[in-house]
Amino acid sequence: SLQRPERRAMERDESEIARWIAHEWPRI
């Protein structure tokens, strides 16, 4: 089937994203 690849930055840091969502987003 047709599937398109996700475009993500190679520098993406999943643990930093999870930390930001858990701590910074609620504050904002």
mmCIF file of all heavy atoms, coordinates in Angstrom:
data_MODEL
# 
_entry.id   MODEL 
# 
loop_
_atom_site.group_PDB 
_atom_site.id 
_atom_site.type_symbol 
_atom_site.label_atom_id 
_atom_site.label_alt_id 
_atom_site.label_comp_id 
_atom_site.label_asym_id 
_atom_site.label_entity_id 
_atom_site.label_seq_id 
_atom_site.pdbx_PDB_ins_code 
_atom_site.Cartn_x 
_atom_site.Cartn_y 
_atom_site.Cartn_z 
_atom_site.occupancy 
_atom_site.B_iso_or_equiv 
_atom_site.pdbx_formal_charge 
_atom_site.auth_seq_id 
_atom_site.auth_comp_id 
_atom_site.auth_asym_id 
_atom_site.auth_atom_id 
_atom_site.pdbx_PDB_model_num 
ATOM 1   N N   . SER A 1 1  ? 0.837  -1.197 0.000  1.00 0.00 ? 1  SER A N   1 
ATOM 2   C CA  . SER A 1 1  ? 0.000  0.000  0.000  1.00 0.00 ? 1  SER A CA  1 
ATOM 3   C C   . SER A 1 1  ? 0.875  1.251  0.000  1.00 0.00 ? 1  SER A C   1 
ATOM 4   O O   . SER A 1 1  ? 2.055  1.199  0.353  1.00 0.00 ? 1  SER A O   1 
ATOM 5   C CB  . SER A 1 1  ? -0.925 0.015  1.220  1.00 0.00 ? 1  SER A CB  1 
ATOM 6   O OG  . SER A 1 1  ? -0.164 0.069  2.394  1.00 0.00 ? 1  SER A OG  1 
ATOM 7   N N   . LEU A 1 2  ? 0.270  2.356  -0.374 1.00 0.00 ? 2  LEU A N   1 
ATOM 8   C CA  . LEU A 1 2  ? 0.967  3.632  -0.390 1.00 0.00 ? 2  LEU A CA  1 
ATOM 9   C C   . LEU A 1 2  ? 1.225  4.088  1.038  1.00 0.00 ? 2  LEU A C   1 
ATOM 10  O O   . LEU A 1 2  ? 0.314  4.134  1.854  1.00 0.00 ? 2  LEU A O   1 
ATOM 11  C CB  . LEU A 1 2  ? 0.120  4.687  -1.108 1.00 0.00 ? 2  LEU A CB  1 
ATOM 12  C CG  . LEU A 1 2  ? 0.661  6.110  -1.083 1.00 0.00 ? 2  LEU A CG  1 
ATOM 13  C CD1 . LEU A 1 2  ? 1.965  6.194  -1.866 1.00 0.00 ? 2  LEU A CD1 1 
ATOM 14  C CD2 . LEU A 1 2  ? -0.361 7.066  -1.652 1.00 0.00 ? 2  LEU A CD2 1 
ATOM 15  N N   . GLN A 1 3  ? 2.469  4.410  1.331  1.00 0.00 ? 3  GLN A N   1 
ATOM 16  C CA  . GLN A 1 3  ? 2.830  4.938  2.641  1.00 0.00 ? 3  GLN A CA  1 
ATOM 17  C C   . GLN A 1 3  ? 3.871  6.018  2.424  1.00 0.00 ? 3  GLN A C   1 
ATOM 18  O O   . GLN A 1 3  ? 4.807  5.838  1.666  1.00 0.00 ? 3  GLN A O   1 
ATOM 19  C CB  . GLN A 1 3  ? 3.390  3.839  3.531  1.00 0.00 ? 3  GLN A CB  1 
ATOM 20  C CG  . GLN A 1 3  ? 2.372  2.769  3.792  1.00 0.00 ? 3  GLN A CG  1 
ATOM 21  C CD  . GLN A 1 3  ? 2.882  1.714  4.744  1.00 0.00 ? 3  GLN A CD  1 
ATOM 22  O OE1 . GLN A 1 3  ? 3.917  1.869  5.364  1.00 0.00 ? 3  GLN A OE1 1 
ATOM 23  N NE2 . GLN A 1 3  ? 2.140  0.629  4.848  1.00 0.00 ? 3  GLN A NE2 1 
ATOM 24  N N   . ARG A 1 4  ? 3.670  7.118  3.090  1.00 0.00 ? 4  ARG A N   1 
ATOM 25  C CA  . ARG A 1 4  ? 4.612  8.224  2.970  1.00 0.00 ? 4  ARG A CA  1 
ATOM 26  C C   . ARG A 1 4  ? 5.491  8.264  4.218  1.00 0.00 ? 4  ARG A C   1 
ATOM 27  O O   . ARG A 1 4  ? 4.993  8.146  5.332  1.00 0.00 ? 4  ARG A O   1 
ATOM 28  C CB  . ARG A 1 4  ? 3.871  9.535  2.811  1.00 0.00 ? 4  ARG A CB  1 
ATOM 29  C CG  . ARG A 1 4  ? 3.006  9.540  1.564  1.00 0.00 ? 4  ARG A CG  1 
ATOM 30  C CD  . ARG A 1 4  ? 2.541  10.936 1.250  1.00 0.00 ? 4  ARG A CD  1 
ATOM 31  N NE  . ARG A 1 4  ? 1.541  10.939 0.205  1.00 0.00 ? 4  ARG A NE  1 
ATOM 32  C CZ  . ARG A 1 4  ? 1.817  10.915 -1.089 1.00 0.00 ? 4  ARG A CZ  1 
ATOM 33  N NH1 . ARG A 1 4  ? 3.052  10.870 -1.507 1.00 0.00 ? 4  ARG A NH1 1 
ATOM 34  N NH2 . ARG A 1 4  ? 0.836  10.933 -1.976 1.00 0.00 ? 4  ARG A NH2 1 
ATOM 35  N N   . PRO A 1 5  ? 6.791  8.464  4.036  1.00 0.00 ? 5  PRO A N   1 
ATOM 36  C CA  . PRO A 1 5  ? 7.675  8.513  5.200  1.00 0.00 ? 5  PRO A CA  1 
ATOM 37  C C   . PRO A 1 5  ? 7.422  9.772  6.020  1.00 0.00 ? 5  PRO A C   1 
ATOM 38  O O   . PRO A 1 5  ? 7.070  10.819 5.487  1.00 0.00 ? 5  PRO A O   1 
ATOM 39  C CB  . PRO A 1 5  ? 9.077  8.542  4.594  1.00 0.00 ? 5  PRO A CB  1 
ATOM 40  C CG  . PRO A 1 5  ? 8.897  9.017  3.199  1.00 0.00 ? 5  PRO A CG  1 
ATOM 41  C CD  . PRO A 1 5  ? 7.511  8.615  2.781  1.00 0.00 ? 5  PRO A CD  1 
ATOM 42  N N   . GLU A 1 6  ? 7.581  9.641  7.342  1.00 0.00 ? 6  GLU A N   1 
ATOM 43  C CA  . GLU A 1 6  ? 7.466  10.809 8.208  1.00 0.00 ? 6  GLU A CA  1 
ATOM 44  C C   . GLU A 1 6  ? 8.735  11.630 8.075  1.00 0.00 ? 6  GLU A C   1 
ATOM 45  O O   . GLU A 1 6  ? 9.829  11.089 7.995  1.00 0.00 ? 6  GLU A O   1 
ATOM 46  C CB  . GLU A 1 6  ? 7.317  10.375 9.678  1.00 0.00 ? 6  GLU A CB  1 
ATOM 47  C CG  . GLU A 1 6  ? 5.963  9.830  10.008 1.00 0.00 ? 6  GLU A CG  1 
ATOM 48  C CD  . GLU A 1 6  ? 5.826  9.579  11.503 1.00 0.00 ? 6  GLU A CD  1 
ATOM 49  O OE1 . GLU A 1 6  ? 6.550  10.207 12.293 1.00 0.00 ? 6  GLU A OE1 1 
ATOM 50  O OE2 . GLU A 1 6  ? 5.002  8.737  11.856 1.00 0.00 ? 6  GLU A OE2 1 
ATOM 51  N N   . ARG A 1 7  ? 8.558  12.922 8.057  1.00 0.00 ? 7  ARG A N   1 
ATOM 52  C CA  . ARG A 1 7  ? 9.723  13.799 7.991  1.00 0.00 ? 7  ARG A CA  1 
ATOM 53  C C   . ARG A 1 7  ? 10.038 14.259 9.406  1.00 0.00 ? 7  ARG A C   1 
ATOM 54  O O   . ARG A 1 7  ? 9.237  14.936 10.035 1.00 0.00 ? 7  ARG A O   1 
ATOM 55  C CB  . ARG A 1 7  ? 9.433  14.978 7.087  1.00 0.00 ? 7  ARG A CB  1 
ATOM 56  C CG  . ARG A 1 7  ? 9.142  14.547 5.660  1.00 0.00 ? 7  ARG A CG  1 
ATOM 57  C CD  . ARG A 1 7  ? 9.258  15.720 4.709  1.00 0.00 ? 7  ARG A CD  1 
ATOM 58  N NE  . ARG A 1 7  ? 8.824  15.366 3.382  1.00 0.00 ? 7  ARG A NE  1 
ATOM 59  C CZ  . ARG A 1 7  ? 9.578  14.747 2.483  1.00 0.00 ? 7  ARG A CZ  1 
ATOM 60  N NH1 . ARG A 1 7  ? 10.804 14.414 2.771  1.00 0.00 ? 7  ARG A NH1 1 
ATOM 61  N NH2 . ARG A 1 7  ? 9.105  14.474 1.285  1.00 0.00 ? 7  ARG A NH2 1 
ATOM 62  N N   . ARG A 1 8  ? 11.194 13.857 9.896  1.00 0.00 ? 8  ARG A N   1 
ATOM 63  C CA  . ARG A 1 8  ? 11.623 14.225 11.238 1.00 0.00 ? 8  ARG A CA  1 
ATOM 64  C C   . ARG A 1 8  ? 13.076 14.674 11.184 1.00 0.00 ? 8  ARG A C   1 
ATOM 65  O O   . ARG A 1 8  ? 13.875 14.134 10.428 1.00 0.00 ? 8  ARG A O   1 
ATOM 66  C CB  . ARG A 1 8  ? 11.519 13.045 12.199 1.00 0.00 ? 8  ARG A CB  1 
ATOM 67  C CG  . ARG A 1 8  ? 10.110 12.626 12.475 1.00 0.00 ? 8  ARG A CG  1 
ATOM 68  C CD  . ARG A 1 8  ? 10.097 11.573 13.533 1.00 0.00 ? 8  ARG A CD  1 
ATOM 69  N NE  . ARG A 1 8  ? 8.715  11.295 13.897 1.00 0.00 ? 8  ARG A NE  1 
ATOM 70  C CZ  . ARG A 1 8  ? 8.369  10.692 14.993 1.00 0.00 ? 8  ARG A CZ  1 
ATOM 71  N NH1 . ARG A 1 8  ? 9.289  10.297 15.845 1.00 0.00 ? 8  ARG A NH1 1 
ATOM 72  N NH2 . ARG A 1 8  ? 7.107  10.466 15.263 1.00 0.00 ? 8  ARG A NH2 1 
ATOM 73  N N   . ALA A 1 9  ? 13.398 15.608 12.026 1.00 0.00 ? 9  ALA A N   1 
ATOM 74  C CA  . ALA A 1 9  ? 14.774 16.073 12.110 1.00 0.00 ? 9  ALA A CA  1 
ATOM 75  C C   . ALA A 1 9  ? 15.661 14.953 12.651 1.00 0.00 ? 9  ALA A C   1 
ATOM 76  O O   . ALA A 1 9  ? 15.277 14.242 13.577 1.00 0.00 ? 9  ALA A O   1 
ATOM 77  C CB  . ALA A 1 9  ? 14.859 17.288 13.015 1.00 0.00 ? 9  ALA A CB  1 
ATOM 78  N N   . MET A 1 10 ? 16.828 14.813 12.079 1.00 0.00 ? 10 MET A N   1 
ATOM 79  C CA  . MET A 1 10 ? 17.762 13.787 12.551 1.00 0.00 ? 10 MET A CA  1 
ATOM 80  C C   . MET A 1 10 ? 18.228 14.087 13.972 1.00 0.00 ? 10 MET A C   1 
ATOM 81  O O   . MET A 1 10 ? 18.578 13.193 14.720 1.00 0.00 ? 10 MET A O   1 
ATOM 82  C CB  . MET A 1 10 ? 18.950 13.679 11.603 1.00 0.00 ? 10 MET A CB  1 
ATOM 83  C CG  . MET A 1 10 ? 18.558 13.116 10.245 1.00 0.00 ? 10 MET A CG  1 
ATOM 84  S SD  . MET A 1 10 ? 19.942 12.953 9.124  1.00 0.00 ? 10 MET A SD  1 
ATOM 85  C CE  . MET A 1 10 ? 20.876 11.681 9.941  1.00 0.00 ? 10 MET A CE  1 
ATOM 86  N N   . GLU A 1 11 ? 18.215 15.373 14.340 1.00 0.00 ? 11 GLU A N   1 
ATOM 87  C CA  . GLU A 1 11 ? 18.682 15.788 15.660 1.00 0.00 ? 11 GLU A CA  1 
ATOM 88  C C   . GLU A 1 11 ? 17.608 15.625 16.731 1.00 0.00 ? 11 GLU A C   1 
ATOM 89  O O   . GLU A 1 11 ? 17.823 15.970 17.873 1.00 0.00 ? 11 GLU A O   1 
ATOM 90  C CB  . GLU A 1 11 ? 19.116 17.264 15.632 1.00 0.00 ? 11 GLU A CB  1 
ATOM 91  C CG  . GLU A 1 11 ? 20.186 17.571 14.603 1.00 0.00 ? 11 GLU A CG  1 
ATOM 92  C CD  . GLU A 1 11 ? 19.632 17.830 13.217 1.00 0.00 ? 11 GLU A CD  1 
ATOM 93  O OE1 . GLU A 1 11 ? 18.402 17.929 13.049 1.00 0.00 ? 11 GLU A OE1 1 
ATOM 94  O OE2 . GLU A 1 11 ? 20.434 17.902 12.279 1.00 0.00 ? 11 GLU A OE2 1 
ATOM 95  N N   . ARG A 1 12 ? 16.450 15.118 16.370 1.00 0.00 ? 12 ARG A N   1 
ATOM 96  C CA  . ARG A 1 12 ? 15.321 15.007 17.289 1.00 0.00 ? 12 ARG A CA  1 
ATOM 97  C C   . ARG A 1 12 ? 15.719 14.209 18.534 1.00 0.00 ? 12 ARG A C   1 
ATOM 98  O O   . ARG A 1 12 ? 16.268 13.117 18.438 1.00 0.00 ? 12 ARG A O   1 
ATOM 99  C CB  . ARG A 1 12 ? 14.176 14.322 16.554 1.00 0.00 ? 12 ARG A CB  1 
ATOM 100 C CG  . ARG A 1 12 ? 12.887 14.260 17.325 1.00 0.00 ? 12 ARG A CG  1 
ATOM 101 C CD  . ARG A 1 12 ? 11.829 13.601 16.452 1.00 0.00 ? 12 ARG A CD  1 
ATOM 102 N NE  . ARG A 1 12 ? 10.638 13.325 17.208 1.00 0.00 ? 12 ARG A NE  1 
ATOM 103 C CZ  . ARG A 1 12 ? 9.521  14.033 17.113 1.00 0.00 ? 12 ARG A CZ  1 
ATOM 104 N NH1 . ARG A 1 12 ? 9.461  15.050 16.298 1.00 0.00 ? 12 ARG A NH1 1 
ATOM 105 N NH2 . ARG A 1 12 ? 8.463  13.717 17.833 1.00 0.00 ? 12 ARG A NH2 1 
ATOM 106 N N   . ASP A 1 13 ? 15.406 14.762 19.700 1.00 0.00 ? 13 ASP A N   1 
ATOM 107 C CA  . ASP A 1 13 ? 15.745 14.131 20.976 1.00 0.00 ? 13 ASP A CA  1 
ATOM 108 C C   . ASP A 1 13 ? 14.444 13.787 21.703 1.00 0.00 ? 13 ASP A C   1 
ATOM 109 O O   . ASP A 1 13 ? 13.815 14.642 22.316 1.00 0.00 ? 13 ASP A O   1 
ATOM 110 C CB  . ASP A 1 13 ? 16.599 15.108 21.805 1.00 0.00 ? 13 ASP A CB  1 
ATOM 111 C CG  . ASP A 1 13 ? 17.061 14.502 23.125 1.00 0.00 ? 13 ASP A CG  1 
ATOM 112 O OD1 . ASP A 1 13 ? 16.558 13.425 23.510 1.00 0.00 ? 13 ASP A OD1 1 
ATOM 113 O OD2 . ASP A 1 13 ? 17.911 15.114 23.767 1.00 0.00 ? 13 ASP A OD2 1 
ATOM 114 N N   . GLU A 1 14 ? 14.040 12.534 21.622 1.00 0.00 ? 14 GLU A N   1 
ATOM 115 C CA  . GLU A 1 14 ? 12.758 12.096 22.179 1.00 0.00 ? 14 GLU A CA  1 
ATOM 116 C C   . GLU A 1 14 ? 12.673 12.332 23.685 1.00 0.00 ? 14 GLU A C   1 
ATOM 117 O O   . GLU A 1 14 ? 11.628 12.707 24.208 1.00 0.00 ? 14 GLU A O   1 
ATOM 118 C CB  . GLU A 1 14 ? 12.499 10.623 21.857 1.00 0.00 ? 14 GLU A CB  1 
ATOM 119 C CG  . GLU A 1 14 ? 12.353 10.316 20.372 1.00 0.00 ? 14 GLU A CG  1 
ATOM 120 C CD  . GLU A 1 14 ? 11.148 10.974 19.727 1.00 0.00 ? 14 GLU A CD  1 
ATOM 121 O OE1 . GLU A 1 14 ? 10.143 11.247 20.409 1.00 0.00 ? 14 GLU A OE1 1 
ATOM 122 O OE2 . GLU A 1 14 ? 11.213 11.238 18.510 1.00 0.00 ? 14 GLU A OE2 1 
ATOM 123 N N   . SER A 1 15 ? 13.779 12.118 24.414 1.00 0.00 ? 15 SER A N   1 
ATOM 124 C CA  . SER A 1 15 ? 13.732 12.304 25.867 1.00 0.00 ? 15 SER A CA  1 
ATOM 125 C C   . SER A 1 15 ? 13.550 13.783 26.221 1.00 0.00 ? 15 SER A C   1 
ATOM 126 O O   . SER A 1 15 ? 12.835 14.119 27.163 1.00 0.00 ? 15 SER A O   1 
ATOM 127 C CB  . SER A 1 15 ? 14.979 11.732 26.532 1.00 0.00 ? 15 SER A CB  1 
ATOM 128 O OG  . SER A 1 15 ? 16.132 12.407 26.078 1.00 0.00 ? 15 SER A OG  1 
ATOM 129 N N   . GLU A 1 16 ? 14.170 14.677 25.462 1.00 0.00 ? 16 GLU A N   1 
ATOM 130 C CA  . GLU A 1 16 ? 14.008 16.114 25.713 1.00 0.00 ? 16 GLU A CA  1 
ATOM 131 C C   . GLU A 1 16 ? 12.577 16.556 25.381 1.00 0.00 ? 16 GLU A C   1 
ATOM 132 O O   . GLU A 1 16 ? 11.992 17.380 26.088 1.00 0.00 ? 16 GLU A O   1 
ATOM 133 C CB  . GLU A 1 16 ? 15.024 16.913 24.890 1.00 0.00 ? 16 GLU A CB  1 
ATOM 134 C CG  . GLU A 1 16 ? 14.921 18.409 25.049 1.00 0.00 ? 16 GLU A CG  1 
ATOM 135 C CD  . GLU A 1 16 ? 15.141 18.899 26.486 1.00 0.00 ? 16 GLU A CD  1 
ATOM 136 O OE1 . GLU A 1 16 ? 15.766 18.194 27.295 1.00 0.00 ? 16 GLU A OE1 1 
ATOM 137 O OE2 . GLU A 1 16 ? 14.671 20.019 26.795 1.00 0.00 ? 16 GLU A OE2 1 
ATOM 138 N N   . ILE A 1 17 ? 12.008 15.987 24.336 1.00 0.00 ? 17 ILE A N   1 
ATOM 139 C CA  . ILE A 1 17 ? 10.620 16.305 23.975 1.00 0.00 ? 17 ILE A CA  1 
ATOM 140 C C   . ILE A 1 17 ? 9.679  15.853 25.093 1.00 0.00 ? 17 ILE A C   1 
ATOM 141 O O   . ILE A 1 17 ? 8.786  16.592 25.513 1.00 0.00 ? 17 ILE A O   1 
ATOM 142 C CB  . ILE A 1 17 ? 10.243 15.658 22.627 1.00 0.00 ? 17 ILE A CB  1 
ATOM 143 C CG1 . ILE A 1 17 ? 11.036 16.331 21.506 1.00 0.00 ? 17 ILE A CG1 1 
ATOM 144 C CG2 . ILE A 1 17 ? 8.738  15.756 22.366 1.00 0.00 ? 17 ILE A CG2 1 
ATOM 145 C CD1 . ILE A 1 17 ? 10.945 15.617 20.166 1.00 0.00 ? 17 ILE A CD1 1 
ATOM 146 N N   . ALA A 1 18 ? 9.880  14.653 25.611 1.00 0.00 ? 18 ALA A N   1 
ATOM 147 C CA  . ALA A 1 18 ? 9.040  14.139 26.702 1.00 0.00 ? 18 ALA A CA  1 
ATOM 148 C C   . ALA A 1 18 ? 9.182  15.008 27.946 1.00 0.00 ? 18 ALA A C   1 
ATOM 149 O O   . ALA A 1 18 ? 8.189  15.318 28.624 1.00 0.00 ? 18 ALA A O   1 
ATOM 150 C CB  . ALA A 1 18 ? 9.420  12.694 27.012 1.00 0.00 ? 18 ALA A CB  1 
ATOM 151 N N   . ARG A 1 19 ? 10.410 15.453 28.264 1.00 0.00 ? 19 ARG A N   1 
ATOM 152 C CA  . ARG A 1 19 ? 10.629 16.323 29.412 1.00 0.00 ? 19 ARG A CA  1 
ATOM 153 C C   . ARG A 1 19 ? 9.890  17.648 29.230 1.00 0.00 ? 19 ARG A C   1 
ATOM 154 O O   . ARG A 1 19 ? 9.223  18.134 30.129 1.00 0.00 ? 19 ARG A O   1 
ATOM 155 C CB  . ARG A 1 19 ? 12.127 16.588 29.609 1.00 0.00 ? 19 ARG A CB  1 
ATOM 156 C CG  . ARG A 1 19 ? 12.421 17.391 30.893 1.00 0.00 ? 19 ARG A CG  1 
ATOM 157 C CD  . ARG A 1 19 ? 13.719 18.158 30.811 1.00 0.00 ? 19 ARG A CD  1 
ATOM 158 N NE  . ARG A 1 19 ? 13.759 19.178 29.783 1.00 0.00 ? 19 ARG A NE  1 
ATOM 159 C CZ  . ARG A 1 19 ? 13.154 20.380 29.862 1.00 0.00 ? 19 ARG A CZ  1 
ATOM 160 N NH1 . ARG A 1 19 ? 12.436 20.698 30.902 1.00 0.00 ? 19 ARG A NH1 1 
ATOM 161 N NH2 . ARG A 1 19 ? 13.256 21.238 28.886 1.00 0.00 ? 19 ARG A NH2 1 
ATOM 162 N N   . TRP A 1 20 ? 9.976  18.226 28.028 1.00 0.00 ? 20 TRP A N   1 
ATOM 163 C CA  . TRP A 1 20 ? 9.319  19.502 27.748 1.00 0.00 ? 20 TRP A CA  1 
ATOM 164 C C   . TRP A 1 20 ? 7.797  19.383 27.898 1.00 0.00 ? 20 TRP A C   1 
ATOM 165 O O   . TRP A 1 20 ? 7.153  20.231 28.501 1.00 0.00 ? 20 TRP A O   1 
ATOM 166 C CB  . TRP A 1 20 ? 9.681  19.984 26.342 1.00 0.00 ? 20 TRP A CB  1 
ATOM 167 C CG  . TRP A 1 20 ? 9.222  21.373 26.060 1.00 0.00 ? 20 TRP A CG  1 
ATOM 168 C CD1 . TRP A 1 20 ? 9.908  22.520 26.284 1.00 0.00 ? 20 TRP A CD1 1 
ATOM 169 C CD2 . TRP A 1 20 ? 7.954  21.757 25.508 1.00 0.00 ? 20 TRP A CD2 1 
ATOM 170 N NE1 . TRP A 1 20 ? 9.152  23.604 25.906 1.00 0.00 ? 20 TRP A NE1 1 
ATOM 171 C CE2 . TRP A 1 20 ? 7.940  23.163 25.430 1.00 0.00 ? 20 TRP A CE2 1 
ATOM 172 C CE3 . TRP A 1 20 ? 6.836  21.063 25.085 1.00 0.00 ? 20 TRP A CE3 1 
ATOM 173 C CZ2 . TRP A 1 20 ? 6.862  23.878 24.945 1.00 0.00 ? 20 TRP A CZ2 1 
ATOM 174 C CZ3 . TRP A 1 20 ? 5.754  21.773 24.594 1.00 0.00 ? 20 TRP A CZ3 1 
ATOM 175 C CH2 . TRP A 1 20 ? 5.770  23.169 24.531 1.00 0.00 ? 20 TRP A CH2 1 
ATOM 176 N N   . ILE A 1 21 ? 7.243  18.297 27.354 1.00 0.00 ? 21 ILE A N   1 
ATOM 177 C CA  . ILE A 1 21 ? 5.792  18.091 27.446 1.00 0.00 ? 21 ILE A CA  1 
ATOM 178 C C   . ILE A 1 21 ? 5.368  17.922 28.904 1.00 0.00 ? 21 ILE A C   1 
ATOM 179 O O   . ILE A 1 21 ? 4.342  18.446 29.330 1.00 0.00 ? 21 ILE A O   1 
ATOM 180 C CB  . ILE A 1 21 ? 5.362  16.882 26.586 1.00 0.00 ? 21 ILE A CB  1 
ATOM 181 C CG1 . ILE A 1 21 ? 5.503  17.227 25.105 1.00 0.00 ? 21 ILE A CG1 1 
ATOM 182 C CG2 . ILE A 1 21 ? 3.937  16.454 26.905 1.00 0.00 ? 21 ILE A CG2 1 
ATOM 183 C CD1 . ILE A 1 21 ? 5.302  16.060 24.165 1.00 0.00 ? 21 ILE A CD1 1 
ATOM 184 N N   . ALA A 1 22 ? 6.156  17.210 29.682 1.00 0.00 ? 22 ALA A N   1 
ATOM 185 C CA  . ALA A 1 22 ? 5.796  16.943 31.082 1.00 0.00 ? 22 ALA A CA  1 
ATOM 186 C C   . ALA A 1 22 ? 5.970  18.168 31.976 1.00 0.00 ? 22 ALA A C   1 
ATOM 187 O O   . ALA A 1 22 ? 5.167  18.382 32.888 1.00 0.00 ? 22 ALA A O   1 
ATOM 188 C CB  . ALA A 1 22 ? 6.636  15.785 31.614 1.00 0.00 ? 22 ALA A CB  1 
ATOM 189 N N   . HIS A 1 23 ? 6.985  19.002 31.716 1.00 0.00 ? 23 HIS A N   1 
ATOM 190 C CA  . HIS A 1 23 ? 7.290  20.099 32.644 1.00 0.00 ? 23 HIS A CA  1 
ATOM 191 C C   . HIS A 1 23 ? 6.977  21.491 32.092 1.00 0.00 ? 23 HIS A C   1 
ATOM 192 O O   . HIS A 1 23 ? 6.388  22.316 32.796 1.00 0.00 ? 23 HIS A O   1 
ATOM 193 C CB  . HIS A 1 23 ? 8.764  20.029 33.070 1.00 0.00 ? 23 HIS A CB  1 
ATOM 194 C CG  . HIS A 1 23 ? 9.099  18.753 33.764 1.00 0.00 ? 23 HIS A CG  1 
ATOM 195 N ND1 . HIS A 1 23 ? 8.672  18.464 35.029 1.00 0.00 ? 23 HIS A ND1 1 
ATOM 196 C CD2 . HIS A 1 23 ? 9.790  17.658 33.348 1.00 0.00 ? 23 HIS A CD2 1 
ATOM 197 C CE1 . HIS A 1 23 ? 9.101  17.265 35.382 1.00 0.00 ? 23 HIS A CE1 1 
ATOM 198 N NE2 . HIS A 1 23 ? 9.780  16.750 34.372 1.00 0.00 ? 23 HIS A NE2 1 
ATOM 199 N N   . GLU A 1 24 ? 7.394  21.763 30.878 1.00 0.00 ? 24 GLU A N   1 
ATOM 200 C CA  . GLU A 1 24 ? 7.249  23.114 30.334 1.00 0.00 ? 24 GLU A CA  1 
ATOM 201 C C   . GLU A 1 24 ? 5.833  23.396 29.827 1.00 0.00 ? 24 GLU A C   1 
ATOM 202 O O   . GLU A 1 24 ? 5.296  24.476 30.054 1.00 0.00 ? 24 GLU A O   1 
ATOM 203 C CB  . GLU A 1 24 ? 8.263  23.359 29.204 1.00 0.00 ? 24 GLU A CB  1 
ATOM 204 C CG  . GLU A 1 24 ? 9.708  23.213 29.638 1.00 0.00 ? 24 GLU A CG  1 
ATOM 205 C CD  . GLU A 1 24 ? 10.112 24.221 30.700 1.00 0.00 ? 24 GLU A CD  1 
ATOM 206 O OE1 . GLU A 1 24 ? 9.642  25.378 30.656 1.00 0.00 ? 24 GLU A OE1 1 
ATOM 207 O OE2 . GLU A 1 24 ? 10.902 23.847 31.589 1.00 0.00 ? 24 GLU A OE2 1 
ATOM 208 N N   . TRP A 1 25 ? 5.254  22.449 29.110 1.00 0.00 ? 25 TRP A N   1 
ATOM 209 C CA  . TRP A 1 25 ? 3.934  22.681 28.532 1.00 0.00 ? 25 TRP A CA  1 
ATOM 210 C C   . TRP A 1 25 ? 2.868  22.978 29.596 1.00 0.00 ? 25 TRP A C   1 
ATOM 211 O O   . TRP A 1 25 ? 2.119  23.945 29.450 1.00 0.00 ? 25 TRP A O   1 
ATOM 212 C CB  . TRP A 1 25 ? 3.527  21.518 27.634 1.00 0.00 ? 25 TRP A CB  1 
ATOM 213 C CG  . TRP A 1 25 ? 2.157  21.673 27.055 1.00 0.00 ? 25 TRP A CG  1 
ATOM 214 C CD1 . TRP A 1 25 ? 1.090  20.858 27.258 1.00 0.00 ? 25 TRP A CD1 1 
ATOM 215 C CD2 . TRP A 1 25 ? 1.686  22.719 26.200 1.00 0.00 ? 25 TRP A CD2 1 
ATOM 216 N NE1 . TRP A 1 25 ? -0.002 21.307 26.587 1.00 0.00 ? 25 TRP A NE1 1 
ATOM 217 C CE2 . TRP A 1 25 ? 0.327  22.473 25.916 1.00 0.00 ? 25 TRP A CE2 1 
ATOM 218 C CE3 . TRP A 1 25 ? 2.277  23.853 25.647 1.00 0.00 ? 25 TRP A CE3 1 
ATOM 219 C CZ2 . TRP A 1 25 ? -0.451 23.287 25.114 1.00 0.00 ? 25 TRP A CZ2 1 
ATOM 220 C CZ3 . TRP A 1 25 ? 1.501  24.671 24.842 1.00 0.00 ? 25 TRP A CZ3 1 
ATOM 221 C CH2 . TRP A 1 25 ? 0.157  24.397 24.584 1.00 0.00 ? 25 TRP A CH2 1 
ATOM 222 N N   . PRO A 1 26 ? 2.791  22.213 30.685 1.00 0.00 ? 26 PRO A N   1 
ATOM 223 C CA  . PRO A 1 26 ? 1.799  22.547 31.713 1.00 0.00 ? 26 PRO A CA  1 
ATOM 224 C C   . PRO A 1 26 ? 2.021  23.957 32.292 1.00 0.00 ? 26 PRO A C   1 
ATOM 225 O O   . PRO A 1 26 ? 1.063  24.680 32.571 1.00 0.00 ? 26 PRO A O   1 
ATOM 226 C CB  . PRO A 1 26 ? 2.003  21.483 32.783 1.00 0.00 ? 26 PRO A CB  1 
ATOM 227 C CG  . PRO A 1 26 ? 2.613  20.331 32.061 1.00 0.00 ? 26 PRO A CG  1 
ATOM 228 C CD  . PRO A 1 26 ? 3.462  20.941 30.987 1.00 0.00 ? 26 PRO A CD  1 
ATOM 229 N N   . ARG A 1 27 ? 3.286  24.361 32.456 1.00 0.00 ? 27 ARG A N   1 
ATOM 230 C CA  . ARG A 1 27 ? 3.594  25.690 32.972 1.00 0.00 ? 27 ARG A CA  1 
ATOM 231 C C   . ARG A 1 27 ? 3.105  26.770 32.008 1.00 0.00 ? 27 ARG A C   1 
ATOM 232 O O   . ARG A 1 27 ? 2.475  27.733 32.406 1.00 0.00 ? 27 ARG A O   1 
ATOM 233 C CB  . ARG A 1 27 ? 5.095  25.826 33.211 1.00 0.00 ? 27 ARG A CB  1 
ATOM 234 C CG  . ARG A 1 27 ? 5.513  27.176 33.801 1.00 0.00 ? 27 ARG A CG  1 
ATOM 235 C CD  . ARG A 1 27 ? 7.019  27.269 33.955 1.00 0.00 ? 27 ARG A CD  1 
ATOM 236 N NE  . ARG A 1 27 ? 7.751  27.142 32.695 1.00 0.00 ? 27 ARG A NE  1 
ATOM 237 C CZ  . ARG A 1 27 ? 7.875  28.125 31.791 1.00 0.00 ? 27 ARG A CZ  1 
ATOM 238 N NH1 . ARG A 1 27 ? 7.288  29.276 31.989 1.00 0.00 ? 27 ARG A NH1 1 
ATOM 239 N NH2 . ARG A 1 27 ? 8.570  27.941 30.701 1.00 0.00 ? 27 ARG A NH2 1 
ATOM 240 N N   . ILE A 1 28 ? 3.371  26.573 30.721 1.00 0.00 ? 28 ILE A N   1 
ATOM 241 C CA  . ILE A 1 28 ? 2.940  27.538 29.701 1.00 0.00 ? 28 ILE A CA  1 
ATOM 242 C C   . ILE A 1 28 ? 1.413  27.584 29.608 1.00 0.00 ? 28 ILE A C   1 
ATOM 243 O O   . ILE A 1 28 ? 0.816  28.649 29.501 1.00 0.00 ? 28 ILE A O   1 
ATOM 244 C CB  . ILE A 1 28 ? 3.559  27.186 28.336 1.00 0.00 ? 28 ILE A CB  1 
ATOM 245 C CG1 . ILE A 1 28 ? 5.073  27.368 28.391 1.00 0.00 ? 28 ILE A CG1 1 
ATOM 246 C CG2 . ILE A 1 28 ? 2.962  28.010 27.218 1.00 0.00 ? 28 ILE A CG2 1 
ATOM 247 C CD1 . ILE A 1 28 ? 5.798  26.775 27.203 1.00 0.00 ? 28 ILE A CD1 1 
# 
